[in-house]
Structures are given as C-alpha cells and as structure tokens.
Amino acid sequence: MLRFYYVIILNFWRLFYLLPRMRWRANRPARYTLQERYNYAKRIIYFMQDTGRISTTAYGLENLPQKGGYVMYSNHQGKYDALSIVDVHQKPLSLVMDEARSHTMLVAQFLDLLESKRLVLDDVRQGMKIMKEITREVRDDGKAFLIFPEGGYSDNHNKVCTFKGGSFKSAMKANAPIVPVAIIDSYKVYGMPGLAPVKTQVHFLPPLLYDEYKNMSSQEVATEVQNRIQKTILENLSGKDLAKLQKQLACVNA
C-alpha cells in the first residue's frame, strides 16, 4: 500500500481543485457530455499514473464493438483495475460497484462522473432494479458498462476466481455483445512493496455475440468468459509470475 499513500500525498494539493471540479461536472450532465466527463476522469488517472510510476498497455482494442452498447466483464485484482481499463478504453464506460465501497473521497466523484451504478449486495430488489437499468441503457442508449463478476478480490493476483452467473443477465437480456477483459499484474500497483515502476496489461478479447450465447445459461456464459480470461493470462505471463500462477491453479484443481 506504500504506492497508494505515496500517490495520495503527492497529489494532495490537486484534490483541492480536482474534487470540486469533478462534482461540478457530475452534477451538470446537460452542460458536460459523458465523453467530456470521461475525458476528465482519464486526466485524473494520468496524474495518478505519472506520480505512481504506473503504466498500462492495451491489447485487442480492435475487438471492441464499434457500434451499439456492450458489457465488459473483467477479472478483479485490486484498486487499480477499473482505472487501468478506463485509461485505455476510449469510449465512455460506466462502472458497477458495491455501494458500501462507493462513497469514499475521490471514488464517489469518479463514479458519478462516469454515470456508474451502485449495487447494494444484500438487497435483491435493488439489485434487480440496477440490472434492469443496465439492460435498458445498453440496449436503448448504446452505453458500455464494466462489471467485475468475481464480486471482489483478495490475494488471487493473476488467478481468476469463480465468476457469478447473475452478473451476466443484464447483458444477456439486452442481447448485447459480452466482452471478456483480462487484466494482468494490476495487483502489483498497490499490492507490492516499494515504488519501482509497475507495468500492467489490459487485454480486450473477442466478444461473445448473442448468437453464440442465446442457448446458454448465465452460469455457462460466466464459466466460458472466466476460462477465456484465465487462458489469456496464462499465455501472457512468463518466469516467476507464470510459475506462481501455475502453482495456484494446481492447488485449486488438486
């Protein structure tokens, strides 16, 4: 967590004008388009990357649908995950986040800038309402959403944990493309000691289209997306990181 506090301290003076400007833009959607607000969020991410010595490389941008809405589903490793994807994804995207974690300083303003959804995990009725909103906005408004179907993260690092089938229902009901996203080494940003430069990867995989998943259950889709992401991570690791992941997977399969 040293890098996390280091980034906050070096950018503390910026917060005095960034936070009010973020709130001002988030509260005035008629004045600032979603693209303009999204670009402002990307600017803030740049400050964090620059002071934290963080870089992210994107692969597979050509796999992103050029028209209409879609939902991206990514593995989850830590606090930097969503920022890394927003950094390299040009079209505005909205996040889906646990409501209990969404009201801290900077996080709240960031979510509101992107018109994100707050999900109360133990409230089934509210969860259904949010999923219906996502379905409508993807289908009718052509929006892009980012969901982490593992539901959280711990010390999984580059190992992908079980994806929850329910998180895929909004995309399936919208008949929308489902884009698997594999993030690699994102956990190192705030999970490794020291302040050495960190490089992370974001891989946008070919989407699952409606014709491919229309006869599948939501859990079958979840498992397929999970497997594709884990395969991509395995193919793009080497050395100690690959050996560590192979050991983790061997323990799971034993």
C-alpha atoms as a PDB file:
ATOM      1  CA  MET A   1       0.000   0.000   0.000  1.00  0.00           C
ATOM      2  CA  LEU A   2       3.040   2.298   0.077  1.00  0.00           C
ATOM      3  CA  ARG A   3       2.450   3.404  -3.505  1.00  0.00           C
ATOM      4  CA  PHE A   4      -1.202   4.184  -2.740  1.00  0.00           C
ATOM      5  CA  TYR A   5      -0.320   6.614   0.051  1.00  0.00           C
ATOM      6  CA  TYR A   6       2.595   7.983  -1.971  1.00  0.00           C
ATOM      7  CA  VAL A   7       0.249   8.861  -4.856  1.00  0.00           C
ATOM      8  CA  ILE A   8      -2.273  10.455  -2.488  1.00  0.00           C
ATOM      9  CA  ILE A   9       0.373  12.573  -0.769  1.00  0.00           C
ATOM     10  CA  LEU A  10       1.968  13.809  -4.000  1.00  0.00           C
ATOM     11  CA  ASN A  11      -1.422  14.701  -5.459  1.00  0.00           C
ATOM     12  CA  PHE A  12      -2.977  16.046  -2.266  1.00  0.00           C
ATOM     13  CA  TRP A  13      -2.669  19.657  -3.393  1.00  0.00           C
ATOM     14  CA  ARG A  14      -4.517  18.809  -6.604  1.00  0.00           C
ATOM     15  CA  LEU A  15      -7.502  17.456  -4.680  1.00  0.00           C
ATOM     16  CA  PHE A  16      -8.428  20.982  -3.600  1.00  0.00           C
ATOM     17  CA  TYR A  17      -9.444  21.833  -7.162  1.00  0.00           C
ATOM     18  CA  LEU A  18      -9.990  18.392  -8.718  1.00  0.00           C
ATOM     19  CA  LEU A  19     -12.720  17.237  -6.323  1.00  0.00           C
ATOM     20  CA  PRO A  20     -14.916  20.352  -6.711  1.00  0.00           C
ATOM     21  CA  ARG A  21     -14.484  20.258 -10.489  1.00  0.00           C
ATOM     22  CA  MET A  22     -15.389  16.578 -10.611  1.00  0.00           C
ATOM     23  CA  ARG A  23     -18.520  17.223  -8.546  1.00  0.00           C
ATOM     24  CA  TRP A  24     -19.413  20.286 -10.642  1.00  0.00           C
ATOM     25  CA  ARG A  25     -19.234  18.289 -13.883  1.00  0.00           C
ATOM     26  CA  ALA A  26     -21.002  15.236 -12.458  1.00  0.00           C
ATOM     27  CA  ASN A  27     -23.934  17.377 -11.302  1.00  0.00           C
ATOM     28  CA  ARG A  28     -24.346  19.103 -14.694  1.00  0.00           C
ATOM     29  CA  PRO A  29     -24.873  16.395 -17.336  1.00  0.00           C
ATOM     30  CA  ALA A  30     -26.743  18.869 -19.540  1.00  0.00           C
ATOM     31  CA  ARG A  31     -23.664  21.093 -19.708  1.00  0.00           C
ATOM     32  CA  TYR A  32     -20.933  18.434 -19.891  1.00  0.00           C
ATOM     33  CA  THR A  33     -21.357  15.431 -22.163  1.00  0.00           C
ATOM     34  CA  LEU A  34     -20.488  11.981 -20.889  1.00  0.00           C
ATOM     35  CA  GLN A  35     -17.468  11.993 -23.204  1.00  0.00           C
ATOM     36  CA  GLU A  36     -16.244  15.275 -21.687  1.00  0.00           C
ATOM     37  CA  ARG A  37     -16.692  13.947 -18.162  1.00  0.00           C
ATOM     38  CA  TYR A  38     -14.996  10.691 -19.147  1.00  0.00           C
ATOM     39  CA  ASN A  39     -12.023  12.600 -20.565  1.00  0.00           C
ATOM     40  CA  TYR A  40     -11.728  14.499 -17.289  1.00  0.00           C
ATOM     41  CA  ALA A  41     -11.653  11.206 -15.386  1.00  0.00           C
ATOM     42  CA  LYS A  42      -8.876   9.984 -17.691  1.00  0.00           C
ATOM     43  CA  ARG A  43      -6.912  13.146 -16.908  1.00  0.00           C
ATOM     44  CA  ILE A  44      -7.076  12.355 -13.200  1.00  0.00           C
ATOM     45  CA  ILE A  45      -5.908   8.804 -13.885  1.00  0.00           C
ATOM     46  CA  TYR A  46      -2.927  10.262 -15.755  1.00  0.00           C
ATOM     47  CA  PHE A  47      -1.904  12.238 -12.648  1.00  0.00           C
ATOM     48  CA  MET A  48      -2.060   9.057 -10.569  1.00  0.00           C
ATOM     49  CA  GLN A  49      -0.058   7.053 -13.097  1.00  0.00           C
ATOM     50  CA  ASP A  50       2.557   9.756 -13.511  1.00  0.00           C
ATOM     51  CA  THR A  51       3.277  10.199  -9.814  1.00  0.00           C
ATOM     52  CA  GLY A  52       2.903   6.474  -9.052  1.00  0.00           C
ATOM     53  CA  ARG A  53       5.187   5.354 -11.904  1.00  0.00           C
ATOM     54  CA  ILE A  54       2.424   3.180 -13.340  1.00  0.00           C
ATOM     55  CA  SER A  55       1.912   2.292 -16.997  1.00  0.00           C
ATOM     56  CA  THR A  56      -0.747   0.205 -18.707  1.00  0.00           C
ATOM     57  CA  THR A  57      -0.564  -1.373 -22.156  1.00  0.00           C
ATOM     58  CA  ALA A  58      -3.745  -2.295 -24.034  1.00  0.00           C
ATOM     59  CA  TYR A  59      -4.165  -5.228 -26.399  1.00  0.00           C
ATOM     60  CA  GLY A  60      -7.123  -6.168 -28.586  1.00  0.00           C
ATOM     61  CA  LEU A  61      -8.723  -2.742 -28.892  1.00  0.00           C
ATOM     62  CA  GLU A  62      -9.852  -3.831 -32.348  1.00  0.00           C
ATOM     63  CA  ASN A  63     -12.110  -6.413 -30.639  1.00  0.00           C
ATOM     64  CA  LEU A  64     -14.326  -3.738 -29.090  1.00  0.00           C
ATOM     65  CA  PRO A  65     -17.682  -3.325 -30.880  1.00  0.00           C
ATOM     66  CA  GLN A  66     -17.743  -0.186 -32.992  1.00  0.00           C
ATOM     67  CA  LYS A  67     -21.495   0.380 -32.763  1.00  0.00           C
ATOM     68  CA  GLY A  68     -24.074  -0.035 -30.042  1.00  0.00           C
ATOM     69  CA  GLY A  69     -23.781  -0.915 -26.389  1.00  0.00           C
ATOM     70  CA  TYR A  70     -21.865  -3.758 -24.805  1.00  0.00           C
ATOM     71  CA  VAL A  71     -20.827  -5.037 -21.399  1.00  0.00           C
ATOM     72  CA  MET A  72     -17.239  -5.814 -20.424  1.00  0.00           C
ATOM     73  CA  TYR A  73     -16.504  -8.458 -17.801  1.00  0.00           C
ATOM     74  CA  SER A  74     -13.074  -8.417 -16.196  1.00  0.00           C
ATOM     75  CA  ASN A  75     -11.151 -10.341 -13.577  1.00  0.00           C
ATOM     76  CA  HIS A  76     -10.536  -8.359 -10.391  1.00  0.00           C
ATOM     77  CA  GLN A  77      -7.162  -7.901  -8.683  1.00  0.00           C
ATOM     78  CA  GLY A  78      -7.193  -4.626  -6.759  1.00  0.00           C
ATOM     79  CA  LYS A  79      -7.895  -0.904  -6.540  1.00  0.00           C
ATOM     80  CA  TYR A  80      -6.227  -0.065  -9.854  1.00  0.00           C
ATOM     81  CA  ASP A  81      -8.282  -2.447 -12.036  1.00  0.00           C
ATOM     82  CA  ALA A  82     -11.053  -0.095 -13.149  1.00  0.00           C
ATOM     83  CA  LEU A  83      -8.606   2.782 -13.605  1.00  0.00           C
ATOM     84  CA  SER A  84      -6.428   0.715 -15.931  1.00  0.00           C
ATOM     85  CA  ILE A  85      -9.389  -0.140 -18.154  1.00  0.00           C
ATOM     86  CA  VAL A  86     -10.742   3.427 -18.230  1.00  0.00           C
ATOM     87  CA  ASP A  87      -7.238   4.632 -19.093  1.00  0.00           C
ATOM     88  CA  VAL A  88      -7.062   2.608 -22.325  1.00  0.00           C
ATOM     89  CA  HIS A  89     -10.758   2.466 -23.276  1.00  0.00           C
ATOM     90  CA  GLN A  90     -11.692   5.457 -25.435  1.00  0.00           C
ATOM     91  CA  LYS A  91     -15.487   5.194 -25.483  1.00  0.00           C
ATOM     92  CA  PRO A  92     -17.085   6.327 -22.192  1.00  0.00           C
ATOM     93  CA  LEU A  93     -17.871   3.432 -19.914  1.00  0.00           C
ATOM     94  CA  SER A  94     -19.821   3.204 -16.691  1.00  0.00           C
ATOM     95  CA  LEU A  95     -18.884   1.025 -13.727  1.00  0.00           C
ATOM     96  CA  VAL A  96     -20.895  -1.221 -11.458  1.00  0.00           C
ATOM     97  CA  MET A  97     -19.607  -1.100  -7.874  1.00  0.00           C
ATOM     98  CA  ASP A  98     -20.510  -2.256  -4.401  1.00  0.00           C
ATOM     99  CA  GLU A  99     -22.488   0.603  -2.827  1.00  0.00           C
ATOM    100  CA  ALA A 100     -20.723   0.167   0.524  1.00  0.00           C
ATOM    101  CA  ARG A 101     -17.336   0.963  -1.046  1.00  0.00           C
ATOM    102  CA  SER A 102     -18.517   3.752  -3.302  1.00  0.00           C
ATOM    103  CA  HIS A 103     -18.701   6.787  -1.025  1.00  0.00           C
ATOM    104  CA  THR A 104     -15.057   7.402  -0.151  1.00  0.00           C
ATOM    105  CA  MET A 105     -13.304  10.557  -1.285  1.00  0.00           C
ATOM    106  CA  LEU A 106     -12.402  10.583  -4.983  1.00  0.00           C
ATOM    107  CA  VAL A 107     -14.139   7.239  -5.603  1.00  0.00           C
ATOM    108  CA  ALA A 108     -17.588   8.816  -5.223  1.00  0.00           C
ATOM    109  CA  GLN A 109     -16.798  11.706  -7.559  1.00  0.00           C
ATOM    110  CA  PHE A 110     -15.167   9.361 -10.060  1.00  0.00           C
ATOM    111  CA  LEU A 111     -18.208   7.074 -10.172  1.00  0.00           C
ATOM    112  CA  ASP A 112     -20.623   9.961 -10.587  1.00  0.00           C
ATOM    113  CA  LEU A 113     -18.574  11.420 -13.443  1.00  0.00           C
ATOM    114  CA  LEU A 114     -18.999   8.141 -15.332  1.00  0.00           C
ATOM    115  CA  GLU A 115     -22.715   7.710 -14.512  1.00  0.00           C
ATOM    116  CA  SER A 116     -21.894   4.481 -12.700  1.00  0.00           C
ATOM    117  CA  LYS A 117     -24.222   2.156 -10.798  1.00  0.00           C
ATOM    118  CA  ARG A 118     -24.035   1.441  -7.081  1.00  0.00           C
ATOM    119  CA  LEU A 119     -25.135  -2.089  -6.185  1.00  0.00           C
ATOM    120  CA  VAL A 120     -26.336  -2.958  -2.670  1.00  0.00           C
ATOM    121  CA  LEU A 121     -25.115  -6.535  -2.405  1.00  0.00           C
ATOM    122  CA  ASP A 122     -27.640  -7.793   0.152  1.00  0.00           C
ATOM    123  CA  ASP A 123     -30.674  -6.056  -1.388  1.00  0.00           C
ATOM    124  CA  VAL A 124     -32.173  -8.321  -4.060  1.00  0.00           C
ATOM    125  CA  ARG A 125     -34.847  -5.834  -5.113  1.00  0.00           C
ATOM    126  CA  GLN A 126     -32.345  -3.007  -5.557  1.00  0.00           C
ATOM    127  CA  GLY A 127     -30.020  -5.361  -7.441  1.00  0.00           C
ATOM    128  CA  MET A 128     -32.776  -6.311  -9.874  1.00  0.00           C
ATOM    129  CA  LYS A 129     -33.578  -2.643 -10.412  1.00  0.00           C
ATOM    130  CA  ILE A 130     -29.944  -1.837 -11.206  1.00  0.00           C
ATOM    131  CA  MET A 131     -29.645  -4.774 -13.604  1.00  0.00           C
ATOM    132  CA  LYS A 132     -32.791  -3.628 -15.442  1.00  0.00           C
ATOM    133  CA  GLU A 133     -31.313  -0.136 -15.752  1.00  0.00           C
ATOM    134  CA  ILE A 134     -28.108  -1.565 -17.216  1.00  0.00           C
ATOM    135  CA  THR A 135     -30.089  -3.686 -19.690  1.00  0.00           C
ATOM    136  CA  ARG A 136     -32.079  -0.669 -20.854  1.00  0.00           C
ATOM    137  CA  GLU A 137     -29.090   1.669 -21.132  1.00  0.00           C
ATOM    138  CA  VAL A 138     -27.004  -0.870 -23.044  1.00  0.00           C
ATOM    139  CA  ARG A 139     -29.841  -1.836 -25.392  1.00  0.00           C
ATOM    140  CA  ASP A 140     -31.511   1.547 -25.936  1.00  0.00           C
ATOM    141  CA  ASP A 141     -28.758   4.092 -25.283  1.00  0.00           C
ATOM    142  CA  GLY A 142     -25.763   2.171 -26.634  1.00  0.00           C
ATOM    143  CA  LYS A 143     -23.777   2.543 -23.407  1.00  0.00           C
ATOM    144  CA  ALA A 144     -20.776   0.467 -22.370  1.00  0.00           C
ATOM    145  CA  PHE A 145     -20.536  -0.974 -18.864  1.00  0.00           C
ATOM    146  CA  LEU A 146     -17.733  -2.622 -16.910  1.00  0.00           C
ATOM    147  CA  ILE A 147     -18.573  -5.351 -14.385  1.00  0.00           C
ATOM    148  CA  PHE A 148     -16.284  -7.436 -12.168  1.00  0.00           C
ATOM    149  CA  PRO A 149     -18.200 -10.737 -11.893  1.00  0.00           C
ATOM    150  CA  GLU A 150     -15.954 -12.190  -9.189  1.00  0.00           C
ATOM    151  CA  GLY A 151     -17.650  -9.792  -6.794  1.00  0.00           C
ATOM    152  CA  GLY A 152     -14.410  -8.768  -5.094  1.00  0.00           C
ATOM    153  CA  TYR A 153     -10.738  -9.553  -4.750  1.00  0.00           C
ATOM    154  CA  SER A 154      -8.320 -10.819  -2.121  1.00  0.00           C
ATOM    155  CA  ASP A 155      -4.925 -12.391  -2.773  1.00  0.00           C
ATOM    156  CA  ASN A 156      -5.949 -14.030  -6.035  1.00  0.00           C
ATOM    157  CA  HIS A 157      -3.439 -11.940  -8.049  1.00  0.00           C
ATOM    158  CA  ASN A 158      -3.424 -13.343 -11.620  1.00  0.00           C
ATOM    159  CA  LYS A 159      -5.634 -16.295 -10.726  1.00  0.00           C
ATOM    160  CA  VAL A 160      -9.232 -15.813 -11.840  1.00  0.00           C
ATOM    161  CA  CYS A 161     -11.809 -16.762  -9.209  1.00  0.00           C
ATOM    162  CA  THR A 162     -15.328 -18.022  -9.888  1.00  0.00           C
ATOM    163  CA  PHE A 163     -17.500 -15.674 -11.946  1.00  0.00           C
ATOM    164  CA  LYS A 164     -21.065 -15.192 -10.733  1.00  0.00           C
ATOM    165  CA  GLY A 165     -23.649 -16.021 -13.395  1.00  0.00           C
ATOM    166  CA  GLY A 166     -26.155 -13.438 -12.191  1.00  0.00           C
ATOM    167  CA  SER A 167     -23.910 -10.554 -13.210  1.00  0.00           C
ATOM    168  CA  PHE A 168     -24.260 -11.608 -16.872  1.00  0.00           C
ATOM    169  CA  LYS A 169     -28.051 -11.450 -17.014  1.00  0.00           C
ATOM    170  CA  SER A 170     -28.258  -7.742 -17.830  1.00  0.00           C
ATOM    171  CA  ALA A 171     -26.079  -8.144 -20.928  1.00  0.00           C
ATOM    172  CA  MET A 172     -27.899 -11.298 -21.999  1.00  0.00           C
ATOM    173  CA  LYS A 173     -31.331  -9.682 -21.664  1.00  0.00           C
ATOM    174  CA  ALA A 174     -30.114  -6.797 -23.803  1.00  0.00           C
ATOM    175  CA  ASN A 175     -28.840  -9.301 -26.427  1.00  0.00           C
ATOM    176  CA  ALA A 176     -25.627  -7.294 -26.233  1.00  0.00           C
ATOM    177  CA  PRO A 177     -22.030  -8.276 -27.004  1.00  0.00           C
ATOM    178  CA  ILE A 178     -20.207  -9.618 -23.952  1.00  0.00           C
ATOM    179  CA  VAL A 179     -16.552  -8.549 -23.980  1.00  0.00           C
ATOM    180  CA  PRO A 180     -14.133 -10.541 -21.777  1.00  0.00           C
ATOM    181  CA  VAL A 181     -11.327  -8.364 -20.384  1.00  0.00           C
ATOM    182  CA  ALA A 182      -8.157  -9.877 -18.946  1.00  0.00           C
ATOM    183  CA  ILE A 183      -6.088  -7.659 -16.675  1.00  0.00           C
ATOM    184  CA  ILE A 184      -2.574  -8.787 -15.787  1.00  0.00           C
ATOM    185  CA  ASP A 185      -0.344  -7.682 -12.897  1.00  0.00           C
ATOM    186  CA  SER A 186      -2.795  -4.992 -11.760  1.00  0.00           C
ATOM    187  CA  TYR A 187      -2.419  -6.249  -8.183  1.00  0.00           C
ATOM    188  CA  LYS A 188       1.221  -5.129  -8.216  1.00  0.00           C
ATOM    189  CA  VAL A 189       0.282  -1.444  -8.354  1.00  0.00           C
ATOM    190  CA  TYR A 190      -0.871  -1.180  -4.745  1.00  0.00           C
ATOM    191  CA  GLY A 191      -0.138  -4.705  -3.522  1.00  0.00           C
ATOM    192  CA  MET A 192       3.638  -4.885  -3.911  1.00  0.00           C
ATOM    193  CA  PRO A 193       6.186  -3.175  -1.623  1.00  0.00           C
ATOM    194  CA  GLY A 194       8.361  -0.360  -2.873  1.00  0.00           C
ATOM    195  CA  LEU A 195       7.949   2.292  -5.528  1.00  0.00           C
ATOM    196  CA  ALA A 196       9.620   0.673  -8.524  1.00  0.00           C
ATOM    197  CA  PRO A 197       7.860   1.239 -11.878  1.00  0.00           C
ATOM    198  CA  VAL A 198       4.928  -1.098 -12.475  1.00  0.00           C
ATOM    199  CA  LYS A 199       3.620  -2.241 -15.844  1.00  0.00           C
ATOM    200  CA  THR A 200       0.162  -3.738 -16.208  1.00  0.00           C
ATOM    201  CA  GLN A 201      -1.717  -5.182 -19.170  1.00  0.00           C
ATOM    202  CA  VAL A 202      -5.318  -4.967 -20.338  1.00  0.00           C
ATOM    203  CA  HIS A 203      -6.468  -7.478 -22.969  1.00  0.00           C
ATOM    204  CA  PHE A 204      -9.816  -6.952 -24.704  1.00  0.00           C
ATOM    205  CA  LEU A 205     -10.818 -10.374 -26.040  1.00  0.00           C
ATOM    206  CA  PRO A 206     -13.184 -11.096 -28.945  1.00  0.00           C
ATOM    207  CA  PRO A 207     -16.771 -10.594 -27.758  1.00  0.00           C
ATOM    208  CA  LEU A 208     -19.389 -13.266 -27.295  1.00  0.00           C
ATOM    209  CA  LEU A 209     -22.261 -12.272 -29.538  1.00  0.00           C
ATOM    210  CA  TYR A 210     -25.921 -13.028 -28.951  1.00  0.00           C
ATOM    211  CA  ASP A 211     -25.982 -15.866 -31.486  1.00  0.00           C
ATOM    212  CA  GLU A 212     -23.168 -17.569 -29.575  1.00  0.00           C
ATOM    213  CA  TYR A 213     -24.749 -17.444 -26.115  1.00  0.00           C
ATOM    214  CA  LYS A 214     -28.509 -17.355 -26.783  1.00  0.00           C
ATOM    215  CA  ASN A 215     -28.909 -21.032 -25.847  1.00  0.00           C
ATOM    216  CA  MET A 216     -26.586 -20.883 -22.830  1.00  0.00           C
ATOM    217  CA  SER A 217     -27.465 -20.282 -19.195  1.00  0.00           C
ATOM    218  CA  SER A 218     -25.980 -17.274 -17.429  1.00  0.00           C
ATOM    219  CA  GLN A 219     -23.671 -19.546 -15.429  1.00  0.00           C
ATOM    220  CA  GLU A 220     -22.466 -21.262 -18.595  1.00  0.00           C
ATOM    221  CA  VAL A 221     -21.662 -17.855 -20.073  1.00  0.00           C
ATOM    222  CA  ALA A 222     -19.877 -16.863 -16.864  1.00  0.00           C
ATOM    223  CA  THR A 223     -17.738 -20.006 -16.935  1.00  0.00           C
ATOM    224  CA  GLU A 224     -16.883 -19.526 -20.609  1.00  0.00           C
ATOM    225  CA  VAL A 225     -15.803 -15.920 -20.059  1.00  0.00           C
ATOM    226  CA  GLN A 226     -13.822 -16.885 -16.957  1.00  0.00           C
ATOM    227  CA  ASN A 227     -11.968 -19.617 -18.842  1.00  0.00           C
ATOM    228  CA  ARG A 228     -11.123 -17.321 -21.746  1.00  0.00           C
ATOM    229  CA  ILE A 229      -9.699 -14.705 -19.402  1.00  0.00           C
ATOM    230  CA  GLN A 230      -7.628 -17.205 -17.428  1.00  0.00           C
ATOM    231  CA  LYS A 231      -6.272 -18.706 -20.672  1.00  0.00           C
ATOM    232  CA  THR A 232      -5.219 -15.258 -21.892  1.00  0.00           C
ATOM    233  CA  ILE A 233      -3.441 -14.516 -18.629  1.00  0.00           C
ATOM    234  CA  LEU A 234      -1.549 -17.808 -18.800  1.00  0.00           C
ATOM    235  CA  GLU A 235      -0.483 -17.075 -22.363  1.00  0.00           C
ATOM    236  CA  ASN A 236       0.913 -13.657 -21.431  1.00  0.00           C
ATOM    237  CA  LEU A 237       2.865 -14.458 -18.274  1.00  0.00           C
ATOM    238  CA  SER A 238       6.384 -15.765 -18.040  1.00  0.00           C
ATOM    239  CA  GLY A 239       9.085 -16.551 -15.499  1.00  0.00           C
ATOM    240  CA  LYS A 240       8.255 -16.367 -11.801  1.00  0.00           C
ATOM    241  CA  ASP A 241       4.809 -14.883 -12.386  1.00  0.00           C
ATOM    242  CA  LEU A 242       3.798 -17.793 -14.630  1.00  0.00           C
ATOM    243  CA  ALA A 243       5.211 -20.364 -12.213  1.00  0.00           C
ATOM    244  CA  LYS A 244       3.333 -18.735  -9.327  1.00  0.00           C
ATOM    245  CA  LEU A 245       0.036 -18.789 -11.226  1.00  0.00           C
ATOM    246  CA  GLN A 246       0.501 -22.399 -12.335  1.00  0.00           C
ATOM    247  CA  LYS A 247       1.094 -23.361  -8.712  1.00  0.00           C
ATOM    248  CA  GLN A 248      -2.089 -21.542  -7.632  1.00  0.00           C
ATOM    249  CA  LEU A 249      -4.141 -23.276 -10.324  1.00  0.00           C
ATOM    250  CA  ALA A 250      -2.670 -26.650  -9.470  1.00  0.00           C
ATOM    251  CA  CYS A 251      -3.777 -26.225  -5.860  1.00  0.00           C
ATOM    252  CA  VAL A 252      -7.313 -25.360  -6.998  1.00  0.00           C
ATOM    253  CA  ASN A 253      -7.527 -28.368  -9.316  1.00  0.00           C
ATOM    254  CA  ALA A 254      -5.962 -30.829  -6.869  1.00  0.00           C
END
